[in-house]
Amino acid sequence: MTGLEIFLILLLIALIAFILYYYFRGSGGHVAITRPMESRVDEYLDRHFERVVDEWSLMDTYQVRSFSSSKEPVLSGDEKKVAALREFEGEMNTTLDSLEERLNVLEKQICGE
């Protein structure tokens, strides 16, 4: 092995070590080798979850439950209206099918005469 080959091998090892260090630096938690990006994102969210919630004005569990309990009557009323509209849609489709059949019969009678 020549000196240049040894130098290139050492340079390659140093480059790989630098990439691994740069990729895993600042990681205080467990970073899974099989899924490094996902585990880094999970770690970040674990560390900064409260700040993310405040920054994005997200709702916590209590706010979701209070909103749900206050809006439950309105939502159930809307669901009943949607069910009634679907029933009406079914009846109208049946009526339209019946009218199309009648129209086809009338067209046959007019054209057949």
N, C-alpha and C. Protein backbone atom coordinates (compact mmCIF):
# COMPACT_ATOMS: atom_id res chain seq x y z
N MET A 1 0.83 -1.18 0.00
CA MET A 1 0.00 0.00 0.00
C MET A 1 0.88 1.25 0.00
N THR A 2 0.51 2.15 -0.83
CA THR A 2 1.31 3.38 -0.91
C THR A 2 0.80 4.39 0.11
N GLY A 3 1.57 5.40 0.27
CA GLY A 3 1.21 6.45 1.22
C GLY A 3 -0.08 7.17 0.81
N LEU A 4 -0.27 7.32 -0.49
CA LEU A 4 -1.48 7.99 -0.99
C LEU A 4 -2.72 7.16 -0.68
N GLU A 5 -2.63 5.85 -0.84
CA GLU A 5 -3.76 4.98 -0.53
C GLU A 5 -4.11 5.04 0.96
N ILE A 6 -3.09 5.02 1.81
CA ILE A 6 -3.32 5.11 3.26
C ILE A 6 -3.97 6.45 3.60
N PHE A 7 -3.45 7.50 2.98
CA PHE A 7 -4.01 8.82 3.22
C PHE A 7 -5.48 8.88 2.78
N LEU A 8 -5.82 8.33 1.64
CA LEU A 8 -7.21 8.34 1.16
C LEU A 8 -8.12 7.52 2.06
N ILE A 9 -7.63 6.38 2.57
CA ILE A 9 -8.42 5.56 3.48
C ILE A 9 -8.68 6.32 4.78
N LEU A 10 -7.64 6.95 5.32
CA LEU A 10 -7.80 7.73 6.54
C LEU A 10 -8.76 8.92 6.31
N LEU A 11 -8.64 9.54 5.16
CA LEU A 11 -9.54 10.65 4.83
C LEU A 11 -10.98 10.17 4.73
N LEU A 12 -11.20 9.01 4.14
CA LEU A 12 -12.54 8.43 4.04
C LEU A 12 -13.10 8.10 5.41
N ILE A 13 -12.28 7.52 6.28
CA ILE A 13 -12.72 7.20 7.64
C ILE A 13 -13.05 8.48 8.40
N ALA A 14 -12.24 9.50 8.24
CA ALA A 14 -12.50 10.78 8.91
C ALA A 14 -13.78 11.41 8.39
N LEU A 15 -14.02 11.32 7.10
CA LEU A 15 -15.23 11.87 6.52
C LEU A 15 -16.48 11.14 7.04
N ILE A 16 -16.41 9.84 7.12
CA ILE A 16 -17.54 9.05 7.64
C ILE A 16 -17.76 9.38 9.12
N ALA A 17 -16.68 9.51 9.88
CA ALA A 17 -16.81 9.86 11.30
C ALA A 17 -17.42 11.24 11.46
N PHE A 18 -17.01 12.19 10.62
CA PHE A 18 -17.57 13.54 10.69
C PHE A 18 -19.06 13.53 10.35
N ILE A 19 -19.44 12.79 9.33
CA ILE A 19 -20.85 12.72 8.95
C ILE A 19 -21.68 12.11 10.07
N LEU A 20 -21.18 11.03 10.67
CA LEU A 20 -21.90 10.42 11.79
C LEU A 20 -21.99 11.37 12.98
N TYR A 21 -20.89 12.06 13.29
CA TYR A 21 -20.92 13.02 14.39
C TYR A 21 -21.92 14.14 14.09
N TYR A 22 -21.87 14.70 12.90
CA TYR A 22 -22.77 15.80 12.54
C TYR A 22 -24.23 15.35 12.58
N TYR A 23 -24.49 14.14 12.15
CA TYR A 23 -25.86 13.63 12.10
C TYR A 23 -26.42 13.40 13.50
N PHE A 24 -25.60 12.86 14.40
CA PHE A 24 -26.08 12.51 15.73
C PHE A 24 -25.73 13.56 16.80
N ARG A 25 -25.13 14.68 16.43
CA ARG A 25 -24.73 15.66 17.44
C ARG A 25 -25.96 16.31 18.06
N GLY A 26 -25.85 16.68 19.28
CA GLY A 26 -26.94 17.34 19.98
C GLY A 26 -28.05 16.40 20.37
N SER A 27 -27.87 15.15 20.13
CA SER A 27 -28.90 14.19 20.44
C SER A 27 -28.68 13.69 21.86
N GLY A 28 -29.56 14.08 22.76
CA GLY A 28 -29.42 13.66 24.14
C GLY A 28 -30.19 12.40 24.43
N GLY A 29 -31.14 12.09 23.60
CA GLY A 29 -31.99 10.93 23.83
C GLY A 29 -31.55 9.75 23.01
N HIS A 30 -32.42 8.81 22.91
CA HIS A 30 -32.12 7.59 22.16
C HIS A 30 -32.45 7.80 20.69
N VAL A 31 -31.48 7.65 19.84
CA VAL A 31 -31.68 7.75 18.39
C VAL A 31 -31.56 6.36 17.82
N ALA A 32 -32.63 5.90 17.22
CA ALA A 32 -32.64 4.55 16.66
C ALA A 32 -31.86 4.53 15.35
N ILE A 33 -30.99 3.59 15.22
CA ILE A 33 -30.19 3.47 14.00
C ILE A 33 -31.07 3.07 12.82
N THR A 34 -32.12 2.29 13.08
CA THR A 34 -32.97 1.82 11.99
C THR A 34 -33.85 2.94 11.44
N ARG A 35 -34.18 3.92 12.26
CA ARG A 35 -34.99 5.05 11.79
C ARG A 35 -34.50 6.34 12.45
N PRO A 36 -33.34 6.84 12.04
CA PRO A 36 -32.73 7.98 12.73
C PRO A 36 -33.53 9.27 12.59
N MET A 37 -34.09 9.56 11.43
CA MET A 37 -34.81 10.82 11.25
C MET A 37 -36.07 10.86 12.11
N GLU A 38 -36.84 9.77 12.10
CA GLU A 38 -38.08 9.75 12.88
C GLU A 38 -37.79 9.86 14.37
N SER A 39 -36.73 9.19 14.83
CA SER A 39 -36.43 9.26 16.25
C SER A 39 -35.92 10.64 16.64
N ARG A 40 -35.21 11.33 15.74
CA ARG A 40 -34.78 12.71 16.02
C ARG A 40 -35.98 13.63 16.11
N VAL A 41 -36.94 13.47 15.21
CA VAL A 41 -38.15 14.30 15.27
C VAL A 41 -38.93 14.01 16.54
N ASP A 42 -39.07 12.74 16.90
CA ASP A 42 -39.74 12.39 18.15
C ASP A 42 -39.05 13.02 19.35
N GLU A 43 -37.73 12.97 19.35
CA GLU A 43 -36.96 13.55 20.45
C GLU A 43 -37.19 15.06 20.52
N TYR A 44 -37.16 15.72 19.36
CA TYR A 44 -37.38 17.17 19.34
C TYR A 44 -38.76 17.51 19.88
N LEU A 45 -39.78 16.77 19.45
CA LEU A 45 -41.13 17.05 19.93
C LEU A 45 -41.25 16.79 21.43
N ASP A 46 -40.58 15.76 21.92
CA ASP A 46 -40.61 15.49 23.35
C ASP A 46 -39.99 16.65 24.14
N ARG A 47 -38.92 17.20 23.63
CA ARG A 47 -38.24 18.30 24.32
C ARG A 47 -39.02 19.61 24.24
N HIS A 48 -39.62 19.90 23.10
CA HIS A 48 -40.19 21.22 22.85
C HIS A 48 -41.70 21.21 22.65
N PHE A 49 -42.37 20.23 23.22
CA PHE A 49 -43.81 20.08 22.97
C PHE A 49 -44.60 21.28 23.48
N GLU A 50 -44.32 21.73 24.68
CA GLU A 50 -45.08 22.86 25.24
C GLU A 50 -44.89 24.11 24.40
N ARG A 51 -43.67 24.36 23.94
CA ARG A 51 -43.42 25.54 23.12
C ARG A 51 -44.14 25.44 21.77
N VAL A 52 -44.16 24.25 21.19
CA VAL A 52 -44.85 24.06 19.91
C VAL A 52 -46.35 24.31 20.08
N VAL A 53 -46.92 23.81 21.18
CA VAL A 53 -48.36 24.02 21.44
C VAL A 53 -48.65 25.50 21.57
N ASP A 54 -47.81 26.23 22.32
CA ASP A 54 -48.04 27.67 22.48
C ASP A 54 -47.82 28.43 21.17
N GLU A 55 -46.77 28.06 20.45
CA GLU A 55 -46.44 28.77 19.21
C GLU A 55 -47.53 28.62 18.15
N TRP A 56 -48.07 27.42 18.03
CA TRP A 56 -49.08 27.15 17.01
C TRP A 56 -50.50 27.33 17.53
N SER A 57 -50.65 27.78 18.76
CA SER A 57 -51.95 27.99 19.39
C SER A 57 -52.81 26.72 19.32
N LEU A 58 -52.19 25.61 19.66
CA LEU A 58 -52.91 24.35 19.64
C LEU A 58 -53.73 24.21 20.92
N MET A 59 -54.70 23.32 20.89
CA MET A 59 -55.58 23.12 22.04
C MET A 59 -55.09 21.93 22.86
N ASP A 60 -55.22 22.05 24.19
CA ASP A 60 -54.89 20.91 25.03
C ASP A 60 -56.14 20.06 25.23
N THR A 61 -56.01 18.97 25.94
CA THR A 61 -57.11 18.02 26.11
C THR A 61 -58.31 18.65 26.79
N TYR A 62 -58.06 19.48 27.80
CA TYR A 62 -59.17 20.14 28.51
C TYR A 62 -59.96 21.04 27.56
N GLN A 63 -59.27 21.81 26.73
CA GLN A 63 -59.95 22.70 25.80
C GLN A 63 -60.76 21.91 24.77
N VAL A 64 -60.23 20.79 24.32
CA VAL A 64 -60.95 19.96 23.36
C VAL A 64 -62.22 19.40 23.99
N ARG A 65 -62.11 18.91 25.22
CA ARG A 65 -63.28 18.35 25.89
C ARG A 65 -64.33 19.41 26.18
N SER A 66 -63.91 20.59 26.60
CA SER A 66 -64.90 21.65 26.88
C SER A 66 -65.57 22.10 25.58
N PHE A 67 -64.80 22.21 24.50
CA PHE A 67 -65.40 22.57 23.22
C PHE A 67 -66.38 21.51 22.76
N SER A 68 -65.98 20.25 22.91
CA SER A 68 -66.84 19.14 22.50
C SER A 68 -68.14 19.13 23.30
N SER A 69 -68.04 19.33 24.61
CA SER A 69 -69.25 19.29 25.43
C SER A 69 -70.15 20.49 25.16
N SER A 70 -69.57 21.64 24.84
CA SER A 70 -70.41 22.81 24.56
C SER A 70 -71.06 22.74 23.18
N LYS A 71 -70.43 22.09 22.24
CA LYS A 71 -70.95 22.03 20.87
C LYS A 71 -71.70 20.74 20.57
N GLU A 72 -71.79 19.83 21.51
CA GLU A 72 -72.44 18.53 21.29
C GLU A 72 -73.90 18.68 20.83
N PRO A 73 -74.73 19.53 21.46
CA PRO A 73 -76.12 19.65 20.98
C PRO A 73 -76.22 20.16 19.54
N VAL A 74 -75.37 21.11 19.20
CA VAL A 74 -75.40 21.65 17.84
C VAL A 74 -74.98 20.58 16.84
N LEU A 75 -73.93 19.85 17.17
CA LEU A 75 -73.44 18.81 16.26
C LEU A 75 -74.45 17.68 16.09
N SER A 76 -75.11 17.28 17.17
CA SER A 76 -76.10 16.21 17.04
C SER A 76 -77.29 16.69 16.22
N GLY A 77 -77.68 17.96 16.38
CA GLY A 77 -78.76 18.51 15.55
C GLY A 77 -78.38 18.53 14.08
N ASP A 78 -77.13 18.91 13.80
CA ASP A 78 -76.66 18.92 12.42
C ASP A 78 -76.61 17.52 11.84
N GLU A 79 -76.22 16.54 12.64
CA GLU A 79 -76.19 15.15 12.16
C GLU A 79 -77.59 14.67 11.81
N LYS A 80 -78.59 15.07 12.60
CA LYS A 80 -79.98 14.70 12.29
C LYS A 80 -80.42 15.34 10.98
N LYS A 81 -80.04 16.59 10.78
CA LYS A 81 -80.40 17.27 9.52
C LYS A 81 -79.75 16.59 8.32
N VAL A 82 -78.50 16.18 8.48
CA VAL A 82 -77.79 15.50 7.39
C VAL A 82 -78.47 14.16 7.09
N ALA A 83 -78.88 13.45 8.13
CA ALA A 83 -79.57 12.18 7.92
C ALA A 83 -80.88 12.40 7.18
N ALA A 84 -81.62 13.46 7.55
CA ALA A 84 -82.88 13.76 6.87
C ALA A 84 -82.63 14.13 5.41
N LEU A 85 -81.58 14.89 5.16
CA LEU A 85 -81.25 15.26 3.77
C LEU A 85 -80.85 14.04 2.94
N ARG A 86 -80.15 13.11 3.53
CA ARG A 86 -79.78 11.89 2.79
C ARG A 86 -81.03 11.07 2.47
N GLU A 87 -81.96 11.00 3.40
CA GLU A 87 -83.21 10.29 3.15
C GLU A 87 -83.98 10.96 2.03
N PHE A 88 -84.02 12.31 2.06
CA PHE A 88 -84.69 13.06 1.00
C PHE A 88 -84.01 12.83 -0.34
N GLU A 89 -82.68 12.77 -0.35
CA GLU A 89 -81.94 12.52 -1.58
C GLU A 89 -82.31 11.16 -2.15
N GLY A 90 -82.42 10.15 -1.30
CA GLY A 90 -82.80 8.82 -1.77
C GLY A 90 -84.19 8.82 -2.38
N GLU A 91 -85.13 9.52 -1.72
CA GLU A 91 -86.48 9.59 -2.26
C GLU A 91 -86.51 10.32 -3.59
N MET A 92 -85.73 11.40 -3.71
CA MET A 92 -85.70 12.15 -4.97
C MET A 92 -85.08 11.31 -6.08
N ASN A 93 -84.06 10.54 -5.78
CA ASN A 93 -83.46 9.68 -6.81
C ASN A 93 -84.47 8.63 -7.28
N THR A 94 -85.24 8.09 -6.35
CA THR A 94 -86.28 7.12 -6.72
C THR A 94 -87.32 7.78 -7.61
N THR A 95 -87.74 9.00 -7.24
CA THR A 95 -88.74 9.73 -8.04
C THR A 95 -88.19 10.04 -9.42
N LEU A 96 -86.93 10.47 -9.51
CA LEU A 96 -86.33 10.78 -10.81
C LEU A 96 -86.21 9.54 -11.69
N ASP A 97 -85.87 8.41 -11.08
CA ASP A 97 -85.80 7.17 -11.86
C ASP A 97 -87.18 6.81 -12.41
N SER A 98 -88.20 6.99 -11.58
CA SER A 98 -89.57 6.70 -12.02
C SER A 98 -89.98 7.63 -13.16
N LEU A 99 -89.65 8.91 -13.05
CA LEU A 99 -89.99 9.86 -14.11
C LEU A 99 -89.24 9.56 -15.40
N GLU A 100 -87.99 9.11 -15.30
CA GLU A 100 -87.24 8.74 -16.49
C GLU A 100 -87.87 7.54 -17.19
N GLU A 101 -88.32 6.59 -16.40
CA GLU A 101 -88.99 5.43 -16.99
C GLU A 101 -90.26 5.86 -17.71
N ARG A 102 -91.04 6.72 -17.10
CA ARG A 102 -92.27 7.22 -17.74
C ARG A 102 -91.94 7.97 -19.02
N LEU A 103 -90.89 8.79 -18.98
CA LEU A 103 -90.49 9.54 -20.16
C LEU A 103 -90.06 8.61 -21.28
N ASN A 104 -89.33 7.56 -20.96
CA ASN A 104 -88.91 6.59 -21.98
C ASN A 104 -90.12 5.90 -22.61
N VAL A 105 -91.12 5.55 -21.77
CA VAL A 105 -92.32 4.91 -22.29
C VAL A 105 -93.06 5.87 -23.22
N LEU A 106 -93.18 7.14 -22.82
CA LEU A 106 -93.86 8.13 -23.67
C LEU A 106 -93.12 8.35 -24.98
N GLU A 107 -91.79 8.40 -24.94
CA GLU A 107 -91.02 8.58 -26.16
C GLU A 107 -91.22 7.39 -27.10
N LYS A 108 -91.26 6.19 -26.57
CA LYS A 108 -91.50 5.01 -27.40
C LYS A 108 -92.89 5.06 -28.04
N GLN A 109 -93.88 5.53 -27.27
CA GLN A 109 -95.24 5.60 -27.80
C GLN A 109 -95.31 6.65 -28.90
N ILE A 110 -94.65 7.79 -28.73
CA ILE A 110 -94.72 8.85 -29.74
C ILE A 110 -93.96 8.43 -30.99
N CYS A 111 -92.79 7.87 -30.82
CA CYS A 111 -91.97 7.47 -31.97
C CYS A 111 -92.55 6.23 -32.65
N GLY A 112 -93.22 5.37 -31.90
CA GLY A 112 -93.76 4.15 -32.46
C GLY A 112 -95.02 4.40 -33.29
N GLU A 113 -95.68 5.49 -33.07
CA GLU A 113 -96.95 5.74 -33.78
C GLU A 113 -96.77 6.28 -35.15
